[in-house]
Amino acid sequence: MSIPSPTPIVRLCDPLHGEEYVARALDVKVKTLQAWRTRGGGPPFVRVGRLVRYRDEDLRQWIESRLVTSTSETPR
């Protein structure tokens, strides 16, 4: 008889991504992400002490919110 492996009860959270990763994924400069954080309008972020991190789900939702079907349309 084999002993089943333990199953995690609670999943802590999705992986958090740093500025460099997100900038590369969005094809923008890190400075652009920093400006968006100051002015608003960029993807939501998490502060972990002095570090800035981004969650996968927040990035997906932000990208979806920017989806348009023509150049005359403004993002939602």
C-alpha atoms as a PDB file:
ATOM      1  CA  MET A   1       0.000   0.000   0.000  1.00  0.00           C
ATOM      2  CA  SER A   2       1.433   3.393  -0.977  1.00  0.00           C
ATOM      3  CA  ILE A   3       1.092   6.532   1.084  1.00  0.00           C
ATOM      4  CA  PRO A   4      -0.426   9.431  -0.867  1.00  0.00           C
ATOM      5  CA  SER A   5       1.676  12.551  -1.152  1.00  0.00           C
ATOM      6  CA  PRO A   6       0.431  15.562   0.797  1.00  0.00           C
ATOM      7  CA  THR A   7      -1.745  17.991  -1.102  1.00  0.00           C
ATOM      8  CA  PRO A   8      -1.292  21.684  -0.408  1.00  0.00           C
ATOM      9  CA  ILE A   9      -4.314  23.084   1.398  1.00  0.00           C
ATOM     10  CA  VAL A  10      -3.795  26.693   0.340  1.00  0.00           C
ATOM     11  CA  ARG A  11      -1.975  27.980  -2.708  1.00  0.00           C
ATOM     12  CA  LEU A  12       0.024  31.005  -1.591  1.00  0.00           C
ATOM     13  CA  CYS A  13      -0.178  33.094  -4.747  1.00  0.00           C
ATOM     14  CA  ASP A  14       0.718  33.302  -8.399  1.00  0.00           C
ATOM     15  CA  PRO A  15       4.350  34.018  -9.192  1.00  0.00           C
ATOM     16  CA  LEU A  16       5.355  37.652  -8.974  1.00  0.00           C
ATOM     17  CA  HIS A  17       7.346  39.157 -11.844  1.00  0.00           C
ATOM     18  CA  GLY A  18       9.901  41.949 -11.683  1.00  0.00           C
ATOM     19  CA  GLU A  19      10.066  45.083 -13.798  1.00  0.00           C
ATOM     20  CA  GLU A  20      12.580  43.708 -16.269  1.00  0.00           C
ATOM     21  CA  TYR A  21      10.464  40.633 -17.022  1.00  0.00           C
ATOM     22  CA  VAL A  22       7.276  42.672 -17.496  1.00  0.00           C
ATOM     23  CA  ALA A  23       9.000  45.330 -19.593  1.00  0.00           C
ATOM     24  CA  ARG A  24      10.325  42.617 -21.931  1.00  0.00           C
ATOM     25  CA  ALA A  25       6.931  40.883 -22.077  1.00  0.00           C
ATOM     26  CA  LEU A  26       5.151  44.144 -22.977  1.00  0.00           C
ATOM     27  CA  ASP A  27       7.985  45.331 -25.234  1.00  0.00           C
ATOM     28  CA  VAL A  28       8.389  48.600 -23.318  1.00  0.00           C
ATOM     29  CA  LYS A  29      11.254  50.088 -21.341  1.00  0.00           C
ATOM     30  CA  VAL A  30      11.509  49.763 -17.567  1.00  0.00           C
ATOM     31  CA  LYS A  31      11.334  53.580 -17.457  1.00  0.00           C
ATOM     32  CA  THR A  32       7.913  53.360 -19.132  1.00  0.00           C
ATOM     33  CA  LEU A  33       6.626  51.033 -16.394  1.00  0.00           C
ATOM     34  CA  GLN A  34       8.017  53.444 -13.786  1.00  0.00           C
ATOM     35  CA  ALA A  35       6.262  56.386 -15.462  1.00  0.00           C
ATOM     36  CA  TRP A  36       2.987  54.442 -15.596  1.00  0.00           C
ATOM     37  CA  ARG A  37       3.253  53.727 -11.874  1.00  0.00           C
ATOM     38  CA  THR A  38       3.759  57.416 -11.164  1.00  0.00           C
ATOM     39  CA  ARG A  39       1.030  58.713 -13.514  1.00  0.00           C
ATOM     40  CA  GLY A  40      -1.309  55.738 -13.440  1.00  0.00           C
ATOM     41  CA  GLY A  41      -2.590  53.885 -16.467  1.00  0.00           C
ATOM     42  CA  GLY A  42      -0.240  50.917 -16.347  1.00  0.00           C
ATOM     43  CA  PRO A  43      -0.853  47.433 -15.028  1.00  0.00           C
ATOM     44  CA  PRO A  44      -1.571  47.042 -11.311  1.00  0.00           C
ATOM     45  CA  PHE A  45       1.472  46.185  -9.225  1.00  0.00           C
ATOM     46  CA  VAL A  46       2.371  44.877  -5.784  1.00  0.00           C
ATOM     47  CA  ARG A  47       4.897  46.420  -3.439  1.00  0.00           C
ATOM     48  CA  VAL A  48       6.982  43.939  -1.471  1.00  0.00           C
ATOM     49  CA  GLY A  49       9.038  46.201   0.740  1.00  0.00           C
ATOM     50  CA  ARG A  50      10.922  48.373  -1.743  1.00  0.00           C
ATOM     51  CA  LEU A  51      10.433  45.900  -4.587  1.00  0.00           C
ATOM     52  CA  VAL A  52       7.779  46.296  -7.272  1.00  0.00           C
ATOM     53  CA  ARG A  53       6.216  43.105  -8.580  1.00  0.00           C
ATOM     54  CA  TYR A  54       3.448  42.216 -11.022  1.00  0.00           C
ATOM     55  CA  ARG A  55       0.998  39.295 -10.835  1.00  0.00           C
ATOM     56  CA  ASP A  56       0.164  37.227 -13.926  1.00  0.00           C
ATOM     57  CA  GLU A  57      -3.586  37.690 -13.507  1.00  0.00           C
ATOM     58  CA  ASP A  58      -3.281  41.492 -13.181  1.00  0.00           C
ATOM     59  CA  LEU A  59      -1.160  41.632 -16.343  1.00  0.00           C
ATOM     60  CA  ARG A  60      -3.682  39.507 -18.257  1.00  0.00           C
ATOM     61  CA  GLN A  61      -6.601  41.671 -17.120  1.00  0.00           C
ATOM     62  CA  TRP A  62      -4.753  44.884 -17.949  1.00  0.00           C
ATOM     63  CA  ILE A  63      -3.906  43.618 -21.437  1.00  0.00           C
ATOM     64  CA  GLU A  64      -7.547  42.562 -21.969  1.00  0.00           C
ATOM     65  CA  SER A  65      -8.701  46.032 -20.901  1.00  0.00           C
ATOM     66  CA  ARG A  66      -6.523  47.551 -23.665  1.00  0.00           C
ATOM     67  CA  LEU A  67      -8.049  45.400 -26.423  1.00  0.00           C
ATOM     68  CA  VAL A  68      -9.519  47.391 -29.342  1.00  0.00           C
ATOM     69  CA  THR A  69     -10.808  46.454 -32.795  1.00  0.00           C
ATOM     70  CA  SER A  70      -9.910  49.619 -34.721  1.00  0.00           C
ATOM     71  CA  THR A  71      -7.464  52.511 -34.482  1.00  0.00           C
ATOM     72  CA  SER A  72     -10.316  54.993 -33.857  1.00  0.00           C
ATOM     73  CA  GLU A  73     -11.458  53.070 -30.789  1.00  0.00           C
ATOM     74  CA  THR A  74     -10.081  53.982 -27.372  1.00  0.00           C
ATOM     75  CA  PRO A  75      -9.204  51.261 -24.874  1.00  0.00           C
ATOM     76  CA  ARG A  76     -11.928  50.405 -22.359  1.00  0.00           C
END
